[in-house]
PDB file of all heavy atoms in Angstrom:
ATOM      1  N   LEU A   1      -3.524 200.488 133.232  1.00  0.00           N
ATOM      2  CA  LEU A   1      -3.693 202.037 133.204  1.00  0.00           C
ATOM      3  C   LEU A   1      -2.997 202.616 134.400  1.00  0.00           C
ATOM      4  O   LEU A   1      -2.688 203.856 134.437  1.00  0.00           O
ATOM      5  CB  LEU A   1      -5.245 202.389 133.059  1.00  0.00           C
ATOM      6  CG  LEU A   1      -5.897 201.868 131.851  1.00  0.00           C
ATOM      7  CD1 LEU A   1      -7.403 202.391 131.987  1.00  0.00           C
ATOM      8  CD2 LEU A   1      -5.356 202.497 130.598  1.00  0.00           C
ATOM      9  N   LEU A   2      -2.877 201.924 135.434  1.00  0.00           N
ATOM     10  CA  LEU A   2      -2.217 202.426 136.667  1.00  0.00           C
ATOM     11  C   LEU A   2      -0.853 201.932 136.916  1.00  0.00           C
ATOM     12  O   LEU A   2      -0.040 202.592 137.565  1.00  0.00           O
ATOM     13  CB  LEU A   2      -3.147 202.007 137.897  1.00  0.00           C
ATOM     14  CG  LEU A   2      -4.561 202.678 137.998  1.00  0.00           C
ATOM     15  CD1 LEU A   2      -5.281 202.176 139.180  1.00  0.00           C
ATOM     16  CD2 LEU A   2      -4.555 204.221 137.936  1.00  0.00           C
ATOM     17  N   SER A   3      -0.603 200.709 136.527  1.00  0.00           N
ATOM     18  CA  SER A   3       0.657 200.012 136.997  1.00  0.00           C
ATOM     19  C   SER A   3       2.057 200.609 136.510  1.00  0.00           C
ATOM     20  O   SER A   3       3.039 200.290 136.986  1.00  0.00           O
ATOM     21  CB  SER A   3       0.607 198.481 136.613  1.00  0.00           C
ATOM     22  OG  SER A   3       0.511 198.212 135.257  1.00  0.00           O
ATOM     23  N   GLU A   4       1.927 201.446 135.517  1.00  0.00           N
ATOM     24  CA  GLU A   4       3.165 202.023 134.939  1.00  0.00           C
ATOM     25  C   GLU A   4       3.727 203.025 136.052  1.00  0.00           C
ATOM     26  O   GLU A   4       4.902 203.093 136.242  1.00  0.00           O
ATOM     27  CB  GLU A   4       2.988 202.842 133.750  1.00  0.00           C
ATOM     28  CG  GLU A   4       4.237 203.452 133.088  1.00  0.00           C
ATOM     29  CD  GLU A   4       3.960 204.009 131.789  1.00  0.00           C
ATOM     30  OE1 GLU A   4       2.988 203.640 131.109  1.00  0.00           O
ATOM     31  OE2 GLU A   4       4.820 204.885 131.352  1.00  0.00           O
ATOM     32  N   ASP A   5       2.803 203.647 136.813  1.00  0.00           N
ATOM     33  CA  ASP A   5       3.307 204.701 137.767  1.00  0.00           C
ATOM     34  C   ASP A   5       2.943 204.345 139.109  1.00  0.00           C
ATOM     35  O   ASP A   5       3.433 205.008 140.135  1.00  0.00           O
ATOM     36  CB  ASP A   5       2.604 206.114 137.411  1.00  0.00           C
ATOM     37  CG  ASP A   5       2.919 206.648 136.067  1.00  0.00           C
ATOM     38  OD1 ASP A   5       4.155 206.675 135.744  1.00  0.00           O
ATOM     39  OD2 ASP A   5       2.079 206.839 135.260  1.00  0.00           O
ATOM     40  N   PHE A   6       2.143 203.279 139.470  1.00  0.00           N
ATOM     41  CA  PHE A   6       1.744 202.892 140.771  1.00  0.00           C
ATOM     42  C   PHE A   6       1.994 201.431 140.937  1.00  0.00           C
ATOM     43  O   PHE A   6       1.939 200.636 140.044  1.00  0.00           O
ATOM     44  CB  PHE A   6       0.297 203.234 141.083  1.00  0.00           C
ATOM     45  CG  PHE A   6      -0.002 204.783 141.026  1.00  0.00           C
ATOM     46  CD1 PHE A   6      -0.470 205.332 139.772  1.00  0.00           C
ATOM     47  CD2 PHE A   6       0.279 205.532 142.092  1.00  0.00           C
ATOM     48  CE1 PHE A   6      -0.693 206.618 139.698  1.00  0.00           C
ATOM     49  CE2 PHE A   6      -0.062 206.935 142.019  1.00  0.00           C
ATOM     50  CZ  PHE A   6      -0.476 207.469 140.874  1.00  0.00           C
ATOM     51  N   TYR A   7       2.221 200.995 142.235  1.00  0.00           N
ATOM     52  CA  TYR A   7       2.245 199.632 142.579  1.00  0.00           C
ATOM     53  C   TYR A   7       0.858 199.159 142.914  1.00  0.00           C
ATOM     54  O   TYR A   7       0.377 199.572 143.873  1.00  0.00           O
ATOM     55  CB  TYR A   7       3.234 199.445 143.880  1.00  0.00           C
ATOM     56  CG  TYR A   7       3.482 198.093 144.187  1.00  0.00           C
ATOM     57  CD1 TYR A   7       3.734 197.052 143.291  1.00  0.00           C
ATOM     58  CD2 TYR A   7       3.621 197.808 145.568  1.00  0.00           C
ATOM     59  CE1 TYR A   7       4.034 195.768 143.678  1.00  0.00           C
ATOM     60  CE2 TYR A   7       3.911 196.549 145.949  1.00  0.00           C
ATOM     61  CZ  TYR A   7       4.230 195.485 145.061  1.00  0.00           C
ATOM     62  OH  TYR A   7       4.550 194.266 145.518  1.00  0.00           O
ATOM     63  N   VAL A   8       0.258 198.372 142.001  1.00  0.00           N
ATOM     64  CA  VAL A   8      -1.147 198.112 142.047  1.00  0.00           C
ATOM     65  C   VAL A   8      -1.325 196.742 142.880  1.00  0.00           C
ATOM     66  O   VAL A   8      -0.855 195.827 142.470  1.00  0.00           O
ATOM     67  CB  VAL A   8      -1.795 198.046 140.721  1.00  0.00           C
ATOM     68  CG1 VAL A   8      -3.321 197.746 140.847  1.00  0.00           C
ATOM     69  CG2 VAL A   8      -1.606 199.361 139.980  1.00  0.00           C
ATOM     70  N   LEU A   9      -2.158 196.854 143.872  1.00  0.00           N
ATOM     71  CA  LEU A   9      -2.501 195.712 144.690  1.00  0.00           C
ATOM     72  C   LEU A   9      -4.009 195.315 144.674  1.00  0.00           C
ATOM     73  O   LEU A   9      -4.831 196.166 145.001  1.00  0.00           O
ATOM     74  CB  LEU A   9      -2.176 195.939 146.195  1.00  0.00           C
ATOM     75  CG  LEU A   9      -0.717 196.580 146.439  1.00  0.00           C
ATOM     76  CD1 LEU A   9      -0.552 197.011 147.718  1.00  0.00           C
ATOM     77  CD2 LEU A   9       0.347 195.501 146.072  1.00  0.00           C
ATOM     78  N   CYS A  10      -4.437 194.156 144.080  1.00  0.00           N
ATOM     79  CA  CYS A  10      -5.750 193.779 143.923  1.00  0.00           C
ATOM     80  C   CYS A  10      -6.150 192.712 145.087  1.00  0.00           C
ATOM     81  O   CYS A  10      -5.517 191.611 145.022  1.00  0.00           O
ATOM     82  CB  CYS A  10      -6.123 193.236 142.608  1.00  0.00           C
ATOM     83  SG  CYS A  10      -5.961 194.403 141.178  1.00  0.00           S
ATOM     84  N   VAL A  11      -6.991 192.994 145.895  1.00  0.00           N
ATOM     85  CA  VAL A  11      -7.425 192.130 147.001  1.00  0.00           C
ATOM     86  C   VAL A  11      -8.468 191.148 146.420  1.00  0.00           C
ATOM     87  O   VAL A  11      -9.423 191.517 145.691  1.00  0.00           O
ATOM     88  CB  VAL A  11      -8.039 192.936 148.206  1.00  0.00           C
ATOM     89  CG1 VAL A  11      -8.609 191.987 149.237  1.00  0.00           C
ATOM     90  CG2 VAL A  11      -6.897 193.754 148.737  1.00  0.00           C
ATOM     91  N   SER A  12      -8.240 189.884 146.753  1.00  0.00           N
ATOM     92  CA  SER A  12      -9.256 188.804 146.456  1.00  0.00           C
ATOM     93  C   SER A  12      -9.702 188.330 147.842  1.00  0.00           C
ATOM     94  O   SER A  12      -8.934 187.607 148.623  1.00  0.00           O
ATOM     95  CB  SER A  12      -8.452 187.688 145.710  1.00  0.00           C
ATOM     96  OG  SER A  12      -9.378 186.778 145.299  1.00  0.00           O
ATOM     97  N   TYR A  13     -10.959 188.572 148.154  1.00  0.00           N
ATOM     98  CA  TYR A  13     -11.465 188.303 149.396  1.00  0.00           C
ATOM     99  C   TYR A  13     -11.618 186.792 149.682  1.00  0.00           C
ATOM    100  O   TYR A  13     -11.636 186.051 148.693  1.00  0.00           O
ATOM    101  CB  TYR A  13     -12.955 188.868 149.578  1.00  0.00           C
ATOM    102  CG  TYR A  13     -13.133 190.288 149.347  1.00  0.00           C
ATOM    103  CD1 TYR A  13     -14.005 190.860 148.592  1.00  0.00           C
ATOM    104  CD2 TYR A  13     -12.264 191.228 149.950  1.00  0.00           C
ATOM    105  CE1 TYR A  13     -14.192 192.140 148.334  1.00  0.00           C
ATOM    106  CE2 TYR A  13     -12.466 192.648 149.836  1.00  0.00           C
ATOM    107  CZ  TYR A  13     -13.386 193.125 148.953  1.00  0.00           C
ATOM    108  OH  TYR A  13     -13.576 194.466 148.809  1.00  0.00           O
ATOM    109  N   ASP A  14     -11.593 186.394 150.910  1.00  0.00           N
ATOM    110  CA  ASP A  14     -11.937 185.042 151.319  1.00  0.00           C
ATOM    111  C   ASP A  14     -13.225 184.668 150.707  1.00  0.00           C
ATOM    112  O   ASP A  14     -14.172 185.452 150.723  1.00  0.00           O
ATOM    113  CB  ASP A  14     -11.983 184.958 152.905  1.00  0.00           C
ATOM    114  CG  ASP A  14     -10.580 184.948 153.547  1.00  0.00           C
ATOM    115  OD1 ASP A  14      -9.839 184.090 153.089  1.00  0.00           O
ATOM    116  OD2 ASP A  14     -10.503 185.583 154.524  1.00  0.00           O
ATOM    117  N   GLY A  15     -13.237 183.416 150.116  1.00  0.00           N
ATOM    118  CA  GLY A  15     -14.412 182.941 149.518  1.00  0.00           C
ATOM    119  C   GLY A  15     -14.612 183.301 148.042  1.00  0.00           C
ATOM    120  O   GLY A  15     -15.575 182.772 147.393  1.00  0.00           O
ATOM    121  N   PHE A  16     -13.805 184.248 147.541  1.00  0.00           N
ATOM    122  CA  PHE A  16     -13.953 184.742 146.214  1.00  0.00           C
ATOM    123  C   PHE A  16     -12.679 184.630 145.407  1.00  0.00           C
ATOM    124  O   PHE A  16     -12.543 185.321 144.389  1.00  0.00           O
ATOM    125  CB  PHE A  16     -14.378 186.231 146.246  1.00  0.00           C
ATOM    126  CG  PHE A  16     -15.791 186.343 146.823  1.00  0.00           C
ATOM    127  CD1 PHE A  16     -16.028 186.498 148.167  1.00  0.00           C
ATOM    128  CD2 PHE A  16     -16.862 186.354 146.057  1.00  0.00           C
ATOM    129  CE1 PHE A  16     -17.327 186.533 148.672  1.00  0.00           C
ATOM    130  CE2 PHE A  16     -18.216 186.519 146.527  1.00  0.00           C
ATOM    131  CZ  PHE A  16     -18.436 186.601 147.862  1.00  0.00           C
ATOM    132  N   ASP A  17     -11.744 183.689 145.826  1.00  0.00           N
ATOM    133  CA  ASP A  17     -10.603 183.395 145.113  1.00  0.00           C
ATOM    134  C   ASP A  17     -10.608 181.951 144.869  1.00  0.00           C
ATOM    135  O   ASP A  17     -10.671 181.074 145.730  1.00  0.00           O
ATOM    136  CB  ASP A  17      -9.320 183.782 145.855  1.00  0.00           C
ATOM    137  CG  ASP A  17      -8.076 183.731 144.931  1.00  0.00           C
ATOM    138  OD1 ASP A  17      -7.623 182.669 144.700  1.00  0.00           O
ATOM    139  OD2 ASP A  17      -7.658 184.704 144.620  1.00  0.00           O
ATOM    140  N   GLU A  18     -10.550 181.587 143.526  1.00  0.00           N
ATOM    141  CA  GLU A  18     -10.597 180.229 143.066  1.00  0.00           C
ATOM    142  C   GLU A  18      -9.360 179.314 143.592  1.00  0.00           C
ATOM    143  O   GLU A  18      -9.456 178.166 143.437  1.00  0.00           O
ATOM    144  CB  GLU A  18     -10.835 180.142 141.518  1.00  0.00           C
ATOM    145  CG  GLU A  18      -9.595 180.557 140.673  1.00  0.00           C
ATOM    146  CD  GLU A  18      -9.642 182.083 140.518  1.00  0.00           C
ATOM    147  OE1 GLU A  18     -10.194 182.865 141.243  1.00  0.00           O
ATOM    148  OE2 GLU A  18      -9.005 182.531 139.478  1.00  0.00           O
ATOM    149  N   THR A  19      -8.298 180.068 143.907  1.00  0.00           N
ATOM    150  CA  THR A  19      -7.097 179.148 144.300  1.00  0.00           C
ATOM    151  C   THR A  19      -7.195 178.848 145.748  1.00  0.00           C
ATOM    152  O   THR A  19      -6.251 178.163 146.279  1.00  0.00           O
ATOM    153  CB  THR A  19      -5.891 180.067 144.109  1.00  0.00           C
ATOM    154  OG1 THR A  19      -5.787 181.212 145.031  1.00  0.00           O
ATOM    155  CG2 THR A  19      -5.780 180.498 142.641  1.00  0.00           C
ATOM    156  N   GLU A  20      -8.164 179.280 146.558  1.00  0.00           N
ATOM    157  CA  GLU A  20      -8.273 178.986 147.921  1.00  0.00           C
ATOM    158  C   GLU A  20      -9.594 178.335 148.240  1.00  0.00           C
ATOM    159  O   GLU A  20     -10.568 178.478 147.583  1.00  0.00           O
ATOM    160  CB  GLU A  20      -8.185 180.180 148.822  1.00  0.00           C
ATOM    161  CG  GLU A  20      -6.972 181.006 148.618  1.00  0.00           C
ATOM    162  CD  GLU A  20      -6.870 182.245 149.486  1.00  0.00           C
ATOM    163  OE1 GLU A  20      -7.947 182.976 149.593  1.00  0.00           O
ATOM    164  OE2 GLU A  20      -5.780 182.590 150.025  1.00  0.00           O
ATOM    165  N   GLU A  21      -9.570 177.394 149.355  1.00  0.00           N
ATOM    166  CA  GLU A  21     -10.811 176.896 149.789  1.00  0.00           C
ATOM    167  C   GLU A  21     -11.217 177.529 151.135  1.00  0.00           C
ATOM    168  O   GLU A  21     -11.025 176.991 152.234  1.00  0.00           O
ATOM    169  CB  GLU A  21     -10.578 175.297 150.041  1.00  0.00           C
ATOM    170  CG  GLU A  21     -10.398 174.598 148.732  1.00  0.00           C
ATOM    171  CD  GLU A  21     -10.267 173.039 148.867  1.00  0.00           C
ATOM    172  OE1 GLU A  21     -10.456 172.562 150.168  1.00  0.00           O
ATOM    173  OE2 GLU A  21      -9.937 172.358 147.999  1.00  0.00           O
ATOM    174  N   THR A  22     -11.762 178.756 150.910  1.00  0.00           N
ATOM    175  CA  THR A  22     -12.235 179.521 152.054  1.00  0.00           C
ATOM    176  C   THR A  22     -13.590 179.994 151.855  1.00  0.00           C
ATOM    177  O   THR A  22     -14.225 179.923 150.784  1.00  0.00           O
ATOM    178  CB  THR A  22     -11.307 180.733 152.157  1.00  0.00           C
ATOM    179  OG1 THR A  22     -11.271 181.476 150.956  1.00  0.00           O
ATOM    180  CG2 THR A  22      -9.857 180.363 152.485  1.00  0.00           C
ATOM    181  N   GLU A  23     -14.144 180.575 152.872  1.00  0.00           N
ATOM    182  CA  GLU A  23     -15.473 181.333 152.813  1.00  0.00           C
ATOM    183  C   GLU A  23     -15.383 182.625 153.457  1.00  0.00           C
ATOM    184  O   GLU A  23     -14.622 182.841 154.452  1.00  0.00           O
ATOM    185  CB  GLU A  23     -16.553 180.433 153.452  1.00  0.00           C
ATOM    186  CG  GLU A  23     -16.927 179.183 152.639  1.00  0.00           C
ATOM    187  CD  GLU A  23     -18.151 178.470 153.257  1.00  0.00           C
ATOM    188  OE1 GLU A  23     -18.223 178.289 154.459  1.00  0.00           O
ATOM    189  OE2 GLU A  23     -19.028 178.077 152.444  1.00  0.00           O
ATOM    190  N   PHE A  24     -16.074 183.535 152.919  1.00  0.00           N
ATOM    191  CA  PHE A  24     -16.035 184.883 153.484  1.00  0.00           C
ATOM    192  C   PHE A  24     -16.651 184.942 154.908  1.00  0.00           C
ATOM    193  O   PHE A  24     -17.739 184.374 155.107  1.00  0.00           O
ATOM    194  CB  PHE A  24     -16.905 185.892 152.695  1.00  0.00           C
ATOM    195  CG  PHE A  24     -16.769 187.306 152.962  1.00  0.00           C
ATOM    196  CD1 PHE A  24     -15.781 188.155 152.288  1.00  0.00           C
ATOM    197  CD2 PHE A  24     -17.524 187.919 153.964  1.00  0.00           C
ATOM    198  CE1 PHE A  24     -15.606 189.491 152.628  1.00  0.00           C
ATOM    199  CE2 PHE A  24     -17.370 189.228 154.268  1.00  0.00           C
ATOM    200  CZ  PHE A  24     -16.392 190.069 153.559  1.00  0.00           C
ATOM    201  N   PRO A  25     -15.822 185.428 155.851  1.00  0.00           N
ATOM    202  CA  PRO A  25     -16.422 185.351 157.285  1.00  0.00           C
ATOM    203  C   PRO A  25     -17.261 186.547 157.655  1.00  0.00           C
ATOM    204  O   PRO A  25     -18.490 186.327 157.706  1.00  0.00           O
ATOM    205  CB  PRO A  25     -15.063 185.498 158.061  1.00  0.00           C
ATOM    206  CG  PRO A  25     -14.053 186.239 157.188  1.00  0.00           C
ATOM    207  CD  PRO A  25     -14.481 185.958 155.787  1.00  0.00           C
ATOM    208  N   ASP A  26     -16.821 187.820 157.747  1.00  0.00           N
ATOM    209  CA  ASP A  26     -17.588 188.961 158.030  1.00  0.00           C
ATOM    210  C   ASP A  26     -16.688 190.094 157.717  1.00  0.00           C
ATOM    211  O   ASP A  26     -15.443 190.078 157.488  1.00  0.00           O
ATOM    212  CB  ASP A  26     -17.982 188.969 159.432  1.00  0.00           C
ATOM    213  CG  ASP A  26     -16.749 188.883 160.445  1.00  0.00           C
ATOM    214  OD1 ASP A  26     -16.090 189.849 160.631  1.00  0.00           O
ATOM    215  OD2 ASP A  26     -16.682 187.785 161.062  1.00  0.00           O
ATOM    216  N   MET A  27     -17.229 191.393 157.656  1.00  0.00           N
ATOM    217  CA  MET A  27     -16.525 192.544 157.364  1.00  0.00           C
ATOM    218  C   MET A  27     -15.310 192.862 158.280  1.00  0.00           C
ATOM    219  O   MET A  27     -14.303 193.152 157.829  1.00  0.00           O
ATOM    220  CB  MET A  27     -17.463 193.797 157.252  1.00  0.00           C
ATOM    221  CG  MET A  27     -18.565 193.622 156.087  1.00  0.00           C
ATOM    222  SD  MET A  27     -17.798 193.787 154.479  1.00  0.00           S
ATOM    223  CE  MET A  27     -17.452 195.638 154.509  1.00  0.00           C
ATOM    224  N   ILE A  28     -15.551 192.744 159.495  1.00  0.00           N
ATOM    225  CA  ILE A  28     -14.418 193.094 160.437  1.00  0.00           C
ATOM    226  C   ILE A  28     -13.260 192.147 160.353  1.00  0.00           C
ATOM    227  O   ILE A  28     -12.109 192.532 160.305  1.00  0.00           O
ATOM    228  CB  ILE A  28     -14.967 193.150 161.918  1.00  0.00           C
ATOM    229  CG1 ILE A  28     -16.084 194.277 162.093  1.00  0.00           C
ATOM    230  CG2 ILE A  28     -13.757 193.471 162.869  1.00  0.00           C
ATOM    231  CD1 ILE A  28     -15.476 195.697 161.713  1.00  0.00           C
ATOM    232  N   THR A  29     -13.548 190.857 160.305  1.00  0.00           N
ATOM    233  CA  THR A  29     -12.519 189.822 160.174  1.00  0.00           C
ATOM    234  C   THR A  29     -11.646 190.065 158.943  1.00  0.00           C
ATOM    235  O   THR A  29     -10.483 190.037 158.929  1.00  0.00           O
ATOM    236  CB  THR A  29     -13.080 188.427 160.202  1.00  0.00           C
ATOM    237  OG1 THR A  29     -13.853 188.193 161.405  1.00  0.00           O
ATOM    238  CG2 THR A  29     -11.933 187.364 159.966  1.00  0.00           C
ATOM    239  N   GLU A  30     -12.400 190.378 157.887  1.00  0.00           N
ATOM    240  CA  GLU A  30     -11.717 190.597 156.501  1.00  0.00           C
ATOM    241  C   GLU A  30     -10.958 191.988 156.511  1.00  0.00           C
ATOM    242  O   GLU A  30      -9.815 192.115 156.082  1.00  0.00           O
ATOM    243  CB  GLU A  30     -12.705 190.627 155.389  1.00  0.00           C
ATOM    244  CG  GLU A  30     -12.071 190.219 154.033  1.00  0.00           C
ATOM    245  CD  GLU A  30     -11.783 188.805 153.894  1.00  0.00           C
ATOM    246  OE1 GLU A  30     -11.897 188.060 154.785  1.00  0.00           O
ATOM    247  OE2 GLU A  30     -11.318 188.535 152.704  1.00  0.00           O
ATOM    248  N   THR A  31     -11.476 192.919 157.341  1.00  0.00           N
ATOM    249  CA  THR A  31     -10.786 194.205 157.445  1.00  0.00           C
ATOM    250  C   THR A  31      -9.499 194.087 158.189  1.00  0.00           C
ATOM    251  O   THR A  31      -8.472 194.636 157.791  1.00  0.00           O
ATOM    252  CB  THR A  31     -11.752 195.198 158.206  1.00  0.00           C
ATOM    253  OG1 THR A  31     -12.910 195.464 157.503  1.00  0.00           O
ATOM    254  CG2 THR A  31     -10.936 196.568 158.416  1.00  0.00           C
ATOM    255  N   ILE A  32      -9.419 193.216 159.249  1.00  0.00           N
ATOM    256  CA  ILE A  32      -8.276 192.939 159.951  1.00  0.00           C
ATOM    257  C   ILE A  32      -7.252 192.222 159.130  1.00  0.00           C
ATOM    258  O   ILE A  32      -6.087 192.626 159.155  1.00  0.00           O
ATOM    259  CB  ILE A  32      -8.621 191.997 161.192  1.00  0.00           C
ATOM    260  CG1 ILE A  32      -9.428 192.836 162.257  1.00  0.00           C
ATOM    261  CG2 ILE A  32      -7.367 191.512 161.841  1.00  0.00           C
ATOM    262  CD1 ILE A  32     -10.049 191.966 163.262  1.00  0.00           C
ATOM    263  N   LYS A  33      -7.627 191.469 158.166  1.00  0.00           N
ATOM    264  CA  LYS A  33      -6.688 190.821 157.313  1.00  0.00           C
ATOM    265  C   LYS A  33      -6.128 191.777 156.359  1.00  0.00           C
ATOM    266  O   LYS A  33      -4.881 191.693 156.084  1.00  0.00           O
ATOM    267  CB  LYS A  33      -7.429 189.598 156.457  1.00  0.00           C
ATOM    268  CG  LYS A  33      -7.794 188.441 157.387  1.00  0.00           C
ATOM    269  CD  LYS A  33      -8.240 187.267 156.510  1.00  0.00           C
ATOM    270  CE  LYS A  33      -8.527 186.018 157.374  1.00  0.00           C
ATOM    271  NZ  LYS A  33      -8.841 184.849 156.586  1.00  0.00           N
ATOM    272  N   ILE A  34      -6.870 192.659 155.868  1.00  0.00           N
ATOM    273  CA  ILE A  34      -6.401 193.686 155.002  1.00  0.00           C
ATOM    274  C   ILE A  34      -5.388 194.598 155.786  1.00  0.00           C
ATOM    275  O   ILE A  34      -4.236 194.893 155.289  1.00  0.00           O
ATOM    276  CB  ILE A  34      -7.498 194.610 154.446  1.00  0.00           C
ATOM    277  CG1 ILE A  34      -8.423 193.720 153.472  1.00  0.00           C
ATOM    278  CG2 ILE A  34      -6.962 195.836 153.620  1.00  0.00           C
ATOM    279  CD1 ILE A  34      -9.697 194.402 153.072  1.00  0.00           C
ATOM    280  N   GLU A  35      -5.735 195.040 156.937  1.00  0.00           N
ATOM    281  CA  GLU A  35      -4.816 195.665 157.854  1.00  0.00           C
ATOM    282  C   GLU A  35      -3.530 195.087 158.087  1.00  0.00           C
ATOM    283  O   GLU A  35      -2.450 195.606 157.983  1.00  0.00           O
ATOM    284  CB  GLU A  35      -5.503 196.151 159.139  1.00  0.00           C
ATOM    285  CG  GLU A  35      -6.719 196.996 159.044  1.00  0.00           C
ATOM    286  CD  GLU A  35      -7.583 197.187 160.270  1.00  0.00           C
ATOM    287  OE1 GLU A  35      -7.436 196.159 161.119  1.00  0.00           O
ATOM    288  OE2 GLU A  35      -8.272 198.122 160.508  1.00  0.00           O
TER     289      GLU A  35
END
């Protein structure tokens, strides 16, 4: 519904992506990765 007019970026957090072997650290560490 959005991708025709916008470049859509879906974030998959550490620990919540089945293609990675990670664990969610904390909000600030994850915020820095997004930044």
